Amino acid sequence: MTRVRVAGEAALLLEAADLDEAVRLLPRLREAAIAGVTELVPGARTILVRFDPRVVAERDLAARLTAVEPVAHPPAGGALVTIPVRYDGQDLDDVAALLGVTTDAVVARHVGATWRVAFTGFAPGFAYLVADGAAPGLEVPRRASPRPRIPAGSVGLAGAFSGVYPREGPGGWQLLGRTDARMWDLERDEPALLAPGATVRFARAPRERLAVSGPSSRATGPSARHAASTHALEVVRPGVRLLAQDLGRPGLAALGVGRSGVADRAALRTANRAVGNLAHVAALEAAGGGVVLRARGASVVAIAGGRCDATVVGRAGTGVVAHGEPAALDDGDELRLGTIRTGARVVVAVRGGIALEPVLGSLSTDTLAGLGPAPLAAGDVVPLHGPAAAPHAVDPVPEQRGELPAAGDEVELRIVLGPRADWLAPAAIAMLTTHPWEVTTTSDRVGLRLAGPALERGRVDELPSEGVVAGAIQVPPDGRPVLFLVDHPLTGGYPVAAVVVDADLDLAGQVPPGARIRLRVHDPSIGAPA
């Protein structure tokens, strides 16, 4: 008997009895093609259903989901892929201690098992592997506190699953070792090395040689580093981080690809309107400020989002660039952005837009997945379509919102309780919504790591991985919440206690380290479908 939980304003979590039923439900849900459903994200015992509340009401969708019957048998299996691993992981000793065996026994169990890809998620190329047949005796909990950086190719365990991190990123799995196998490669016919149903064997590899048995892989992704154009911006100084961003890649969860996109959508629309672009046109997103861009050819720029001192310096002298208003650049002029005083990110739009090659339909740089143009560095040249490509006249417009927060300020974000709020002790839910949470310096586009009192979990068992949305607030065993932003993983294994409402996600993307967040439960009747 399936059950439906609310996972946000526009997401439901469909719970199955077990992994087998979840696997058999997914093809039927795809066949059903329910109006308003925009994405399906499979999990270990759940399927996250994202929907458009303007098309289908939550209660009506829930009724239709529970009426879907699974297919009789799981989809047929795929080819065998062998992945060589150097077993020298950071957690190998801890895993052995948890299981009460030697490290050699852990390795023997891992290479002795035959694994099957149950589902994909988290990030492009990440496959959740379950052991076929008898249990291999490798079930261990996730780490109490997730690491902010795990090296690419790390092979880990979490609960009954094994998996390989396709690129560097955050995670809480117990790490056994590392492989050089390229798990995701856009230049292959099938970018993901492991597809649902595939069979996987791990092999112990010597330090000096790691190779994968399977399709060849090559370097991926376009780069702006060597681009040139008569209309372009040269990066003189990139600041803390300078990225290309648009509104992202919606609807690609089946490939393991998240939406990503600009952290502050309102700022992108404001800056684009000021230079005459359509609202979705890609711009540059600068974290922290300290950016210098030099014009090649004439162009028109505008900035929005975080507040900083901005000037144009050129042969005609120095001029101030007002927030949300167009500024002309002549050939050789420099746009200089100072340190951001309020907010966390500045959006720089250029009339006509950026002329890089889209990746899966978008110019956004997904920092977790490694999709899109590489982060910009000094000396990079960003080609532009040129001013004539903009369809509208410039239209300066002030942003219709209050001042963004600075370090030391406090900001309120509205939330709805999440699908796993019942995994927290009642006092912890009260603490979540009454205590101010400080944003730490380890925060990024993936999520805000929040400092404050440890939230007590009412349940200490392992939550099987399930789909999550932007704005989800996860609570790891250490009790320190993480608020997911635009580059969040598609799936996660820590309980989601709450979800920030969509209308406040832009503000969440502008909260800098050192600022504090208060979470307030949003009246669920506001904005609910009729």
Protein backbone atom coordinates (compact mmCIF):
# COMPACT_ATOMS: atom_id res chain seq x y z
CA MET A 1 0.00 0.00 0.00
CA THR A 2 1.59 3.26 -1.14
CA ARG A 3 1.52 6.41 0.95
CA VAL A 4 1.98 10.05 -0.05
CA ARG A 5 3.90 12.66 1.95
CA VAL A 6 4.22 16.38 1.23
CA ALA A 7 7.78 17.23 0.17
CA GLY A 8 7.34 20.95 -0.54
CA GLU A 9 4.84 23.29 -2.16
CA ALA A 10 5.16 21.50 -5.51
CA ALA A 11 6.46 18.04 -4.64
CA LEU A 12 5.02 14.85 -3.20
CA LEU A 13 6.90 11.80 -1.94
CA LEU A 14 5.26 8.52 -2.95
CA GLU A 15 6.28 5.78 -0.51
CA ALA A 16 6.39 2.14 -1.61
CA ALA A 17 6.64 -0.96 0.57
CA ASP A 18 10.26 -1.62 -0.41
CA LEU A 19 12.88 -1.10 -3.13
CA ASP A 20 11.37 -3.77 -5.38
CA GLU A 21 7.96 -2.10 -5.40
CA ALA A 22 9.50 1.34 -5.97
CA VAL A 23 11.41 0.00 -9.00
CA ARG A 24 8.19 -1.55 -10.36
CA LEU A 25 6.14 1.61 -9.76
CA LEU A 26 8.41 3.94 -11.72
CA PRO A 27 7.64 2.65 -15.25
CA ARG A 28 3.91 2.73 -14.54
CA LEU A 29 4.11 6.32 -13.33
CA ARG A 30 5.95 7.26 -16.50
CA GLU A 31 3.30 5.51 -18.61
CA ALA A 32 0.52 7.28 -16.72
CA ALA A 33 1.85 10.70 -17.81
CA ILE A 34 -0.31 12.45 -15.21
CA ALA A 35 -1.08 16.04 -16.21
CA GLY A 36 0.96 18.53 -14.19
CA VAL A 37 3.74 16.08 -13.22
CA THR A 38 7.06 17.59 -14.27
CA GLU A 39 9.66 15.16 -12.89
CA LEU A 40 9.97 11.76 -11.22
CA VAL A 41 13.00 11.12 -8.98
CA PRO A 42 13.32 7.48 -7.85
CA GLY A 43 14.67 6.58 -4.42
CA ALA A 44 15.30 3.45 -2.39
CA ARG A 45 11.67 3.09 -1.27
CA THR A 46 10.14 6.27 -2.64
CA ILE A 47 9.52 8.27 -5.80
CA LEU A 48 9.64 12.06 -5.57
CA VAL A 49 6.95 13.58 -7.79
CA ARG A 50 7.45 17.20 -8.77
CA PHE A 51 4.37 18.91 -10.15
CA ASP A 52 2.95 22.22 -11.33
CA PRO A 53 0.25 23.31 -8.82
CA ARG A 54 -1.26 25.53 -11.52
CA VAL A 55 -2.14 22.38 -13.47
CA VAL A 56 -3.00 19.83 -10.81
CA ALA A 57 -4.06 20.22 -7.19
CA GLU A 58 -2.00 18.46 -4.55
CA ARG A 59 -4.89 16.40 -3.19
CA ASP A 60 -6.02 15.31 -6.67
CA LEU A 61 -2.48 14.31 -7.61
CA ALA A 62 -2.07 12.33 -4.39
CA ALA A 63 -5.22 10.35 -5.19
CA ARG A 64 -4.02 9.59 -8.71
CA LEU A 65 -0.59 8.51 -7.51
CA THR A 66 -1.93 6.03 -4.97
CA ALA A 67 -4.16 4.51 -7.65
CA VAL A 68 -1.19 3.54 -9.85
CA GLU A 69 -0.38 -0.18 -9.75
CA PRO A 70 3.24 -1.36 -10.19
CA VAL A 71 4.30 -3.61 -13.07
CA ALA A 72 4.58 -7.31 -12.25
CA HIS A 73 8.34 -7.57 -12.73
CA PRO A 74 11.28 -5.13 -12.53
CA PRO A 75 12.85 -3.95 -15.82
CA ALA A 76 15.33 -6.39 -17.37
CA GLY A 77 18.98 -6.14 -16.36
CA GLY A 78 21.77 -4.57 -18.42
CA ALA A 79 25.37 -5.36 -19.31
CA LEU A 80 28.13 -6.23 -16.85
CA VAL A 81 30.51 -3.41 -15.92
CA THR A 82 33.68 -4.11 -13.92
CA ILE A 83 35.08 -1.23 -11.85
CA PRO A 84 38.63 -1.50 -10.44
CA VAL A 85 39.10 0.07 -7.01
CA ARG A 86 42.13 0.97 -4.93
CA TYR A 87 40.92 0.16 -1.41
CA ASP A 88 42.59 2.85 0.67
CA GLY A 89 39.55 4.93 1.63
CA GLN A 90 39.36 7.28 4.61
CA ASP A 91 36.67 5.21 6.31
CA LEU A 92 37.89 1.68 5.59
CA ASP A 93 39.13 1.15 9.16
CA ASP A 94 35.92 2.60 10.60
CA VAL A 95 33.78 0.35 8.41
CA ALA A 96 35.76 -2.69 9.54
CA ALA A 97 35.25 -1.66 13.17
CA LEU A 98 31.51 -1.14 12.66
CA LEU A 99 31.21 -4.62 11.12
CA GLY A 100 33.57 -6.28 13.59
CA VAL A 101 35.86 -7.67 10.89
CA THR A 102 39.25 -6.89 9.35
CA THR A 103 39.74 -4.41 6.52
CA ASP A 104 40.72 -7.32 4.24
CA ALA A 105 37.38 -8.95 5.02
CA VAL A 106 35.54 -5.72 4.09
CA VAL A 107 37.35 -5.62 0.74
CA ALA A 108 36.70 -9.31 0.12
CA ARG A 109 32.98 -8.84 0.72
CA HIS A 110 32.85 -5.80 -1.56
CA VAL A 111 34.63 -7.45 -4.51
CA GLY A 112 32.90 -10.79 -3.91
CA ALA A 113 29.39 -9.42 -4.30
CA THR A 114 27.50 -8.98 -7.56
CA TRP A 115 25.84 -5.56 -7.54
CA ARG A 116 22.85 -4.24 -9.48
CA VAL A 117 21.98 -0.62 -10.28
CA ALA A 118 18.69 -0.06 -8.46
CA PHE A 119 18.28 3.59 -9.40
CA THR A 120 20.32 6.71 -10.16
CA GLY A 121 20.31 10.11 -8.51
CA PHE A 122 22.24 12.46 -6.22
CA ALA A 123 24.32 13.76 -9.18
CA PRO A 124 24.76 12.82 -12.87
CA GLY A 125 26.41 9.41 -13.08
CA PHE A 126 25.78 8.43 -9.44
CA ALA A 127 24.23 4.95 -9.26
CA TYR A 128 22.79 3.30 -6.15
CA LEU A 129 23.99 -0.32 -6.16
CA VAL A 130 22.39 -3.18 -4.25
CA ALA A 131 23.91 -6.63 -3.86
CA ASP A 132 22.16 -9.43 -5.72
CA GLY A 133 21.40 -12.60 -3.83
CA ALA A 134 22.68 -13.08 -0.30
CA ALA A 135 23.51 -9.93 1.68
CA PRO A 136 27.26 -9.23 1.55
CA GLY A 137 27.42 -8.13 5.21
CA LEU A 138 28.34 -4.52 4.39
CA GLU A 139 25.43 -2.52 5.79
CA VAL A 140 26.79 0.52 7.65
CA PRO A 141 25.23 3.91 8.53
CA ARG A 142 26.17 7.15 6.85
CA ARG A 143 28.62 9.40 8.65
CA ALA A 144 27.11 11.46 11.46
CA SER A 145 28.33 14.64 9.74
CA PRO A 146 28.61 14.79 5.92
CA ARG A 147 31.93 15.89 4.43
CA PRO A 148 31.81 19.12 2.39
CA ARG A 149 34.26 17.65 -0.15
CA ILE A 150 34.66 14.04 -1.27
CA PRO A 151 37.16 13.31 -4.08
CA ALA A 152 35.88 12.23 -7.49
CA GLY A 153 35.92 8.47 -7.96
CA SER A 154 35.44 7.72 -4.25
CA VAL A 155 33.73 4.35 -3.68
CA GLY A 156 31.50 4.21 -0.63
CA LEU A 157 28.82 2.47 1.39
CA ALA A 158 25.60 3.77 2.97
CA GLY A 159 23.03 1.44 4.45
CA ALA A 160 22.58 -1.45 2.02
CA PHE A 161 23.96 0.52 -0.94
CA SER A 162 27.34 0.98 -2.56
CA GLY A 163 28.17 3.74 -5.04
CA VAL A 164 30.85 5.80 -6.78
CA TYR A 165 31.01 9.59 -6.55
CA PRO A 166 31.27 10.81 -10.17
CA ARG A 167 33.02 14.06 -9.20
CA GLU A 168 34.17 16.01 -6.18
CA GLY A 169 31.33 17.12 -3.96
CA PRO A 170 29.69 16.82 -0.54
CA GLY A 171 28.47 13.53 0.88
CA GLY A 172 28.04 11.37 3.94
CA TRP A 173 28.88 7.88 2.66
CA GLN A 174 31.57 5.71 4.26
CA LEU A 175 34.54 5.71 1.85
CA LEU A 176 36.29 2.42 1.02
CA GLY A 177 38.57 3.50 -1.81
CA ARG A 178 38.82 5.17 -5.20
CA THR A 179 38.48 4.40 -8.90
CA ASP A 180 39.49 6.24 -12.08
CA ALA A 181 36.35 5.04 -13.88
CA ARG A 182 34.57 7.99 -15.49
CA MET A 183 31.01 7.62 -14.26
CA TRP A 184 29.59 10.48 -16.37
CA ASP A 185 30.82 11.62 -19.78
CA LEU A 186 28.72 13.78 -22.10
CA GLU A 187 30.88 12.74 -25.07
CA ARG A 188 29.71 9.13 -24.77
CA ASP A 189 26.52 8.01 -26.52
CA GLU A 190 25.22 7.12 -23.04
CA PRO A 191 26.73 9.68 -20.63
CA ALA A 192 26.16 7.54 -17.51
CA LEU A 193 28.45 4.52 -17.22
CA LEU A 194 25.88 2.75 -15.02
CA ALA A 195 22.20 2.65 -15.97
CA PRO A 196 19.35 1.16 -13.90
CA GLY A 197 19.37 -2.62 -14.19
CA ALA A 198 23.09 -2.89 -15.05
CA THR A 199 25.24 -5.49 -13.26
CA VAL A 200 28.42 -4.28 -11.54
CA ARG A 201 31.45 -6.09 -10.12
CA PHE A 202 34.25 -4.37 -8.21
CA ALA A 203 37.85 -5.56 -8.59
CA ARG A 204 40.85 -4.84 -6.40
CA ALA A 205 43.36 -2.75 -8.35
CA PRO A 206 47.02 -1.91 -7.64
CA ARG A 207 47.95 1.69 -6.92
CA GLU A 208 49.68 2.28 -10.25
CA ARG A 209 46.80 1.19 -12.50
CA LEU A 210 43.12 1.98 -12.45
CA ALA A 211 41.08 1.39 -15.60
CA VAL A 212 37.46 0.57 -16.27
CA SER A 213 35.97 -2.28 -18.28
CA GLY A 214 33.26 -0.62 -20.34
CA PRO A 215 32.74 2.25 -22.81
CA SER A 216 35.64 4.64 -23.28
CA SER A 217 35.47 8.07 -21.69
CA ARG A 218 36.86 11.45 -22.63
CA ALA A 219 37.11 14.90 -21.09
CA THR A 220 33.75 16.60 -20.88
CA GLY A 221 32.14 19.97 -21.11
CA PRO A 222 32.77 23.19 -23.01
CA SER A 223 35.21 25.75 -21.61
CA ALA A 224 35.30 29.51 -22.01
CA ARG A 225 39.05 29.60 -21.50
CA HIS A 226 40.02 29.90 -25.18
CA ALA A 227 36.90 31.52 -26.62
CA ALA A 228 37.31 34.66 -28.73
CA SER A 229 34.85 37.06 -30.37
CA THR A 230 34.59 40.60 -31.66
CA HIS A 231 32.09 41.08 -28.85
CA ALA A 232 33.39 39.61 -25.61
CA LEU A 233 34.22 40.18 -21.97
CA GLU A 234 37.73 39.35 -20.80
CA VAL A 235 38.02 38.24 -17.18
CA VAL A 236 40.77 40.34 -15.58
CA ARG A 237 39.89 39.24 -12.04
CA PRO A 238 37.19 36.62 -11.26
CA GLY A 239 36.75 37.38 -7.56
CA VAL A 240 35.78 34.53 -5.26
CA ARG A 241 33.83 32.65 -7.94
CA LEU A 242 32.50 33.76 -11.32
CA LEU A 243 30.05 31.52 -13.18
CA ALA A 244 27.75 31.57 -16.19
CA GLN A 245 24.13 31.08 -15.10
CA ASP A 246 20.64 31.11 -16.57
CA LEU A 247 17.40 29.52 -15.31
CA GLY A 248 18.86 26.01 -15.40
CA ARG A 249 17.91 22.56 -16.71
CA PRO A 250 14.41 21.60 -15.52
CA GLY A 251 12.94 18.20 -16.32
CA LEU A 252 16.14 16.13 -16.59
CA ALA A 253 15.91 14.12 -13.39
CA ALA A 254 15.68 10.92 -15.45
CA LEU A 255 19.30 11.55 -16.47
CA GLY A 256 20.34 12.29 -12.89
CA VAL A 257 20.64 15.99 -13.77
CA GLY A 258 19.33 18.66 -11.41
CA ARG A 259 17.96 22.05 -12.43
CA SER A 260 20.82 24.22 -11.10
CA GLY A 261 20.64 27.78 -12.53
CA VAL A 262 21.16 31.23 -11.07
CA ALA A 263 20.91 31.42 -7.26
CA ASP A 264 18.79 34.60 -7.42
CA ARG A 265 16.24 34.41 -10.23
CA ALA A 266 14.83 37.86 -9.49
CA ALA A 267 18.27 39.41 -9.91
CA LEU A 268 18.73 37.68 -13.29
CA ARG A 269 15.38 38.99 -14.54
CA THR A 270 16.11 42.50 -13.28
CA ALA A 271 19.56 42.69 -14.87
CA ASN A 272 18.34 41.23 -18.17
CA ARG A 273 15.43 43.65 -18.38
CA ALA A 274 17.80 46.55 -17.78
CA VAL A 275 19.88 45.62 -20.86
CA GLY A 276 16.94 44.62 -23.10
CA ASN A 277 17.35 40.84 -22.93
CA LEU A 278 14.67 38.24 -22.41
CA ALA A 279 14.38 37.26 -18.74
CA HIS A 280 15.98 33.80 -19.12
CA VAL A 281 19.14 34.86 -20.99
CA ALA A 282 22.38 33.67 -19.38
CA ALA A 283 24.43 36.17 -17.37
CA LEU A 284 27.42 36.06 -15.03
CA GLU A 285 27.00 35.32 -11.32
CA ALA A 286 29.75 36.68 -9.07
CA ALA A 287 30.07 35.41 -5.50
CA GLY A 288 31.63 37.80 -3.00
CA GLY A 289 32.44 40.53 -5.54
CA GLY A 290 35.96 41.69 -6.38
CA VAL A 291 35.42 41.12 -10.11
CA VAL A 292 37.04 43.03 -13.01
CA LEU A 293 35.77 42.50 -16.58
CA ARG A 294 37.27 44.17 -19.69
CA ALA A 295 35.12 44.85 -22.77
CA ARG A 296 36.16 43.71 -26.22
CA GLY A 297 33.97 45.80 -28.46
CA ALA A 298 31.10 48.00 -27.30
CA SER A 299 28.50 46.49 -24.99
CA VAL A 300 25.83 47.37 -22.44
CA VAL A 301 25.83 45.80 -18.96
CA ALA A 302 23.69 45.92 -15.83
CA ILE A 303 24.09 44.50 -12.33
CA ALA A 304 21.51 43.27 -9.83
CA GLY A 305 21.33 41.18 -6.67
CA GLY A 306 23.98 41.73 -4.01
CA ARG A 307 24.97 45.35 -3.39
CA CYS A 308 28.51 46.48 -4.08
CA ASP A 309 30.34 49.52 -5.45
CA ALA A 310 30.48 49.22 -9.24
CA THR A 311 32.33 51.45 -11.68
CA VAL A 312 33.26 51.63 -15.34
CA VAL A 313 36.88 52.68 -15.86
CA GLY A 314 38.12 53.63 -19.33
CA ARG A 315 39.58 56.30 -21.57
CA ALA A 316 36.62 58.55 -20.82
CA GLY A 317 37.31 58.38 -17.08
CA THR A 318 35.46 56.64 -14.27
CA GLY A 319 31.70 56.37 -13.95
CA VAL A 320 29.45 54.83 -11.31
CA VAL A 321 27.21 51.92 -12.32
CA ALA A 322 23.83 52.13 -10.59
CA HIS A 323 22.10 48.95 -9.43
CA GLY A 324 19.50 47.80 -11.99
CA GLU A 325 20.41 50.43 -14.61
CA PRO A 326 22.22 49.93 -17.94
CA ALA A 327 25.81 51.11 -18.36
CA ALA A 328 27.65 51.42 -21.67
CA LEU A 329 31.11 49.91 -22.12
CA ASP A 330 33.44 51.00 -24.93
CA ASP A 331 36.17 48.75 -26.26
CA GLY A 332 38.82 48.40 -23.53
CA ASP A 333 36.62 49.72 -20.70
CA GLU A 334 36.64 47.79 -17.43
CA LEU A 335 33.64 46.97 -15.26
CA ARG A 336 34.88 46.78 -11.65
CA LEU A 337 32.81 45.29 -8.84
CA GLY A 338 33.84 45.88 -5.25
CA THR A 339 33.25 43.59 -2.29
CA ILE A 340 29.59 42.72 -1.80
CA ARG A 341 28.21 44.58 1.22
CA THR A 342 24.74 43.01 1.37
CA GLY A 343 23.70 39.72 -0.16
CA ALA A 344 26.08 37.05 -1.39
CA ARG A 345 26.00 37.23 -5.21
CA VAL A 346 25.88 39.85 -7.96
CA VAL A 347 24.38 39.11 -11.38
CA VAL A 348 26.01 40.82 -14.39
CA ALA A 349 23.86 40.81 -17.54
CA VAL A 350 25.22 41.84 -20.96
CA ARG A 351 23.04 43.09 -23.80
CA GLY A 352 22.61 40.26 -26.32
CA GLY A 353 23.72 37.56 -23.91
CA ILE A 354 26.60 35.09 -23.66
CA ALA A 355 27.57 33.11 -26.78
CA LEU A 356 28.88 29.90 -25.22
CA GLU A 357 27.64 26.44 -26.24
CA PRO A 358 24.75 25.17 -24.09
CA VAL A 359 25.09 21.88 -22.23
CA LEU A 360 21.82 19.93 -22.08
CA GLY A 361 19.98 23.07 -23.13
CA SER A 362 21.48 25.48 -20.60
CA LEU A 363 24.55 27.65 -20.01
CA SER A 364 24.31 27.21 -16.24
CA THR A 365 27.34 25.95 -14.36
CA ASP A 366 26.20 23.20 -11.98
CA THR A 367 28.98 23.10 -9.38
CA LEU A 368 27.86 19.76 -7.90
CA ALA A 369 27.36 17.94 -11.20
CA GLY A 370 30.23 19.61 -13.07
CA LEU A 371 27.94 20.51 -15.98
CA GLY A 372 28.15 23.66 -18.05
CA PRO A 373 31.02 26.09 -18.62
CA ALA A 374 33.93 25.81 -16.22
CA PRO A 375 34.19 28.47 -13.48
CA LEU A 376 35.80 31.53 -15.03
CA ALA A 377 39.43 32.39 -14.30
CA ALA A 378 41.69 35.36 -15.01
CA GLY A 379 42.45 35.52 -18.73
CA ASP A 380 39.25 33.77 -19.84
CA VAL A 381 37.33 35.43 -22.66
CA VAL A 382 33.53 35.15 -22.63
CA PRO A 383 32.10 35.59 -26.16
CA LEU A 384 28.93 37.65 -26.51
CA HIS A 385 26.17 37.72 -29.12
CA GLY A 386 26.55 41.49 -29.30
CA PRO A 387 24.12 44.34 -28.53
CA ALA A 388 22.10 43.85 -31.72
CA ALA A 389 20.95 40.41 -30.50
CA ALA A 390 18.81 41.88 -27.68
CA PRO A 391 15.11 42.05 -28.66
CA HIS A 392 14.05 44.97 -26.45
CA ALA A 393 15.06 48.49 -25.57
CA VAL A 394 16.91 48.91 -22.28
CA ASP A 395 14.51 49.31 -19.36
CA PRO A 396 16.00 50.28 -15.97
CA VAL A 397 13.89 48.92 -13.16
CA PRO A 398 14.48 48.87 -9.41
CA GLU A 399 14.20 45.53 -7.65
CA GLN A 400 10.92 45.21 -5.77
CA ARG A 401 12.30 43.82 -2.50
CA GLY A 402 13.96 45.03 0.65
CA GLU A 403 17.65 45.27 1.46
CA LEU A 404 19.51 41.98 1.32
CA PRO A 405 21.22 40.71 4.49
CA ALA A 406 24.84 41.30 5.45
CA ALA A 407 27.01 39.30 7.84
CA GLY A 408 25.55 39.75 11.35
CA ASP A 409 22.03 40.46 10.06
CA GLU A 410 19.03 38.20 10.62
CA VAL A 411 16.62 37.19 7.86
CA GLU A 412 13.35 35.24 7.97
CA LEU A 413 12.61 32.38 5.56
CA ARG A 414 9.20 30.74 5.33
CA ILE A 415 8.98 26.95 5.38
CA VAL A 416 6.52 24.10 5.11
CA LEU A 417 7.21 21.04 7.25
CA GLY A 418 8.99 18.35 5.28
CA PRO A 419 8.22 14.69 4.59
CA ARG A 420 10.46 13.49 7.45
CA ALA A 421 9.64 16.05 10.12
CA ASP A 422 8.45 13.12 12.22
CA TRP A 423 12.05 11.85 12.35
CA LEU A 424 12.90 14.73 14.69
CA ALA A 425 11.99 14.89 18.35
CA PRO A 426 9.07 17.32 19.02
CA ALA A 427 11.42 19.67 20.88
CA ALA A 428 13.73 19.71 17.85
CA ILE A 429 10.95 20.91 15.53
CA ALA A 430 10.23 23.72 17.99
CA MET A 431 13.95 24.56 18.09
CA LEU A 432 14.18 24.55 14.30
CA THR A 433 11.53 27.25 14.04
CA THR A 434 12.48 29.41 17.03
CA HIS A 435 16.28 29.47 17.13
CA PRO A 436 18.35 31.73 14.82
CA TRP A 437 20.70 29.66 12.62
CA GLU A 438 24.05 31.12 11.54
CA VAL A 439 25.25 30.49 7.98
CA THR A 440 28.76 29.04 8.09
CA THR A 441 31.71 29.71 5.79
CA THR A 442 31.46 26.17 4.37
CA SER A 443 28.22 27.14 2.59
CA ASP A 444 28.05 27.31 -1.21
CA ARG A 445 25.62 26.91 -4.12
CA VAL A 446 24.91 23.33 -3.04
CA GLY A 447 23.61 24.41 0.33
CA LEU A 448 23.82 26.56 3.44
CA ARG A 449 25.38 24.77 6.40
CA LEU A 450 23.77 26.13 9.53
CA ALA A 451 25.35 26.47 12.98
CA GLY A 452 23.29 26.32 16.15
CA PRO A 453 22.11 23.83 18.74
CA ALA A 454 22.12 20.19 17.67
CA LEU A 455 18.62 19.04 16.74
CA GLU A 456 17.68 15.78 18.43
CA ARG A 457 16.45 13.06 16.12
CA GLY A 458 13.50 10.99 17.29
CA ARG A 459 14.67 8.12 15.09
CA VAL A 460 18.26 6.91 14.85
CA ASP A 461 17.83 4.30 12.09
CA GLU A 462 19.13 4.83 8.56
CA LEU A 463 16.84 6.63 6.10
CA PRO A 464 17.04 5.04 2.63
CA SER A 465 18.02 7.61 -0.02
CA GLU A 466 15.12 9.57 -1.51
CA GLY A 467 14.52 12.57 -3.74
CA VAL A 468 14.93 16.10 -2.41
CA VAL A 469 14.10 19.56 -3.77
CA ALA A 470 15.74 22.97 -3.63
CA GLY A 471 14.95 24.52 -0.26
CA ALA A 472 14.94 21.16 1.55
CA ILE A 473 16.41 21.31 5.07
CA GLN A 474 18.17 18.06 5.89
CA VAL A 475 19.17 17.07 9.41
CA PRO A 476 22.17 14.69 9.61
CA PRO A 477 22.77 12.62 12.76
CA ASP A 478 24.98 15.39 14.20
CA GLY A 479 21.86 17.59 14.33
CA ARG A 480 23.30 20.47 12.25
CA PRO A 481 20.82 21.42 9.48
CA VAL A 482 21.76 21.92 5.84
CA LEU A 483 19.53 24.07 3.60
CA PHE A 484 19.82 22.92 -0.01
CA LEU A 485 20.21 25.60 -2.71
CA VAL A 486 20.16 25.44 -6.52
CA ASP A 487 23.02 22.93 -7.01
CA HIS A 488 21.58 20.46 -4.50
CA PRO A 489 21.82 16.69 -5.07
CA LEU A 490 18.74 15.00 -6.53
CA THR A 491 18.64 12.45 -3.71
CA GLY A 492 19.79 12.33 -0.11
CA GLY A 493 19.80 10.01 2.86
CA TYR A 494 19.23 12.40 5.76
CA PRO A 495 15.67 13.27 6.84
CA VAL A 496 14.17 16.46 5.38
CA ALA A 497 12.49 18.25 8.28
CA ALA A 498 11.27 21.29 6.34
CA VAL A 499 11.31 22.93 2.91
CA VAL A 500 11.74 26.66 2.22
CA VAL A 501 8.90 28.02 0.08
CA ASP A 502 9.77 28.79 -3.53
CA ALA A 503 9.10 32.52 -3.12
CA ASP A 504 11.93 32.72 -0.54
CA LEU A 505 14.55 30.67 -2.42
CA ASP A 506 16.07 33.75 -4.11
CA LEU A 507 16.55 35.34 -0.69
CA ALA A 508 18.07 32.10 0.64
CA GLY A 509 20.59 32.24 -2.22
CA GLN A 510 21.63 35.72 -1.09
CA VAL A 511 22.29 34.99 2.60
CA PRO A 512 26.05 35.40 3.20
CA PRO A 513 28.20 33.58 5.78
CA GLY A 514 27.84 35.19 9.19
CA ALA A 515 24.19 36.13 8.69
CA ARG A 516 21.48 34.38 10.68
CA ILE A 517 18.30 32.71 9.47
CA ARG A 518 15.01 32.33 11.30
CA LEU A 519 12.60 29.76 9.91
CA ARG A 520 8.87 30.41 10.15
CA VAL A 521 6.20 27.83 9.28
CA HIS A 522 4.23 29.15 6.31
CA ASP A 523 0.43 29.04 6.35
CA PRO A 524 -0.24 26.09 4.02
CA SER A 525 -3.52 27.65 2.87
CA ILE A 526 -1.66 30.57 1.25
CA GLY A 527 -1.09 29.82 -2.42
CA ALA A 528 -2.66 26.35 -2.18
CA PRO A 529 -4.37 25.12 -5.36
CA ALA A 530 -8.16 25.39 -5.41
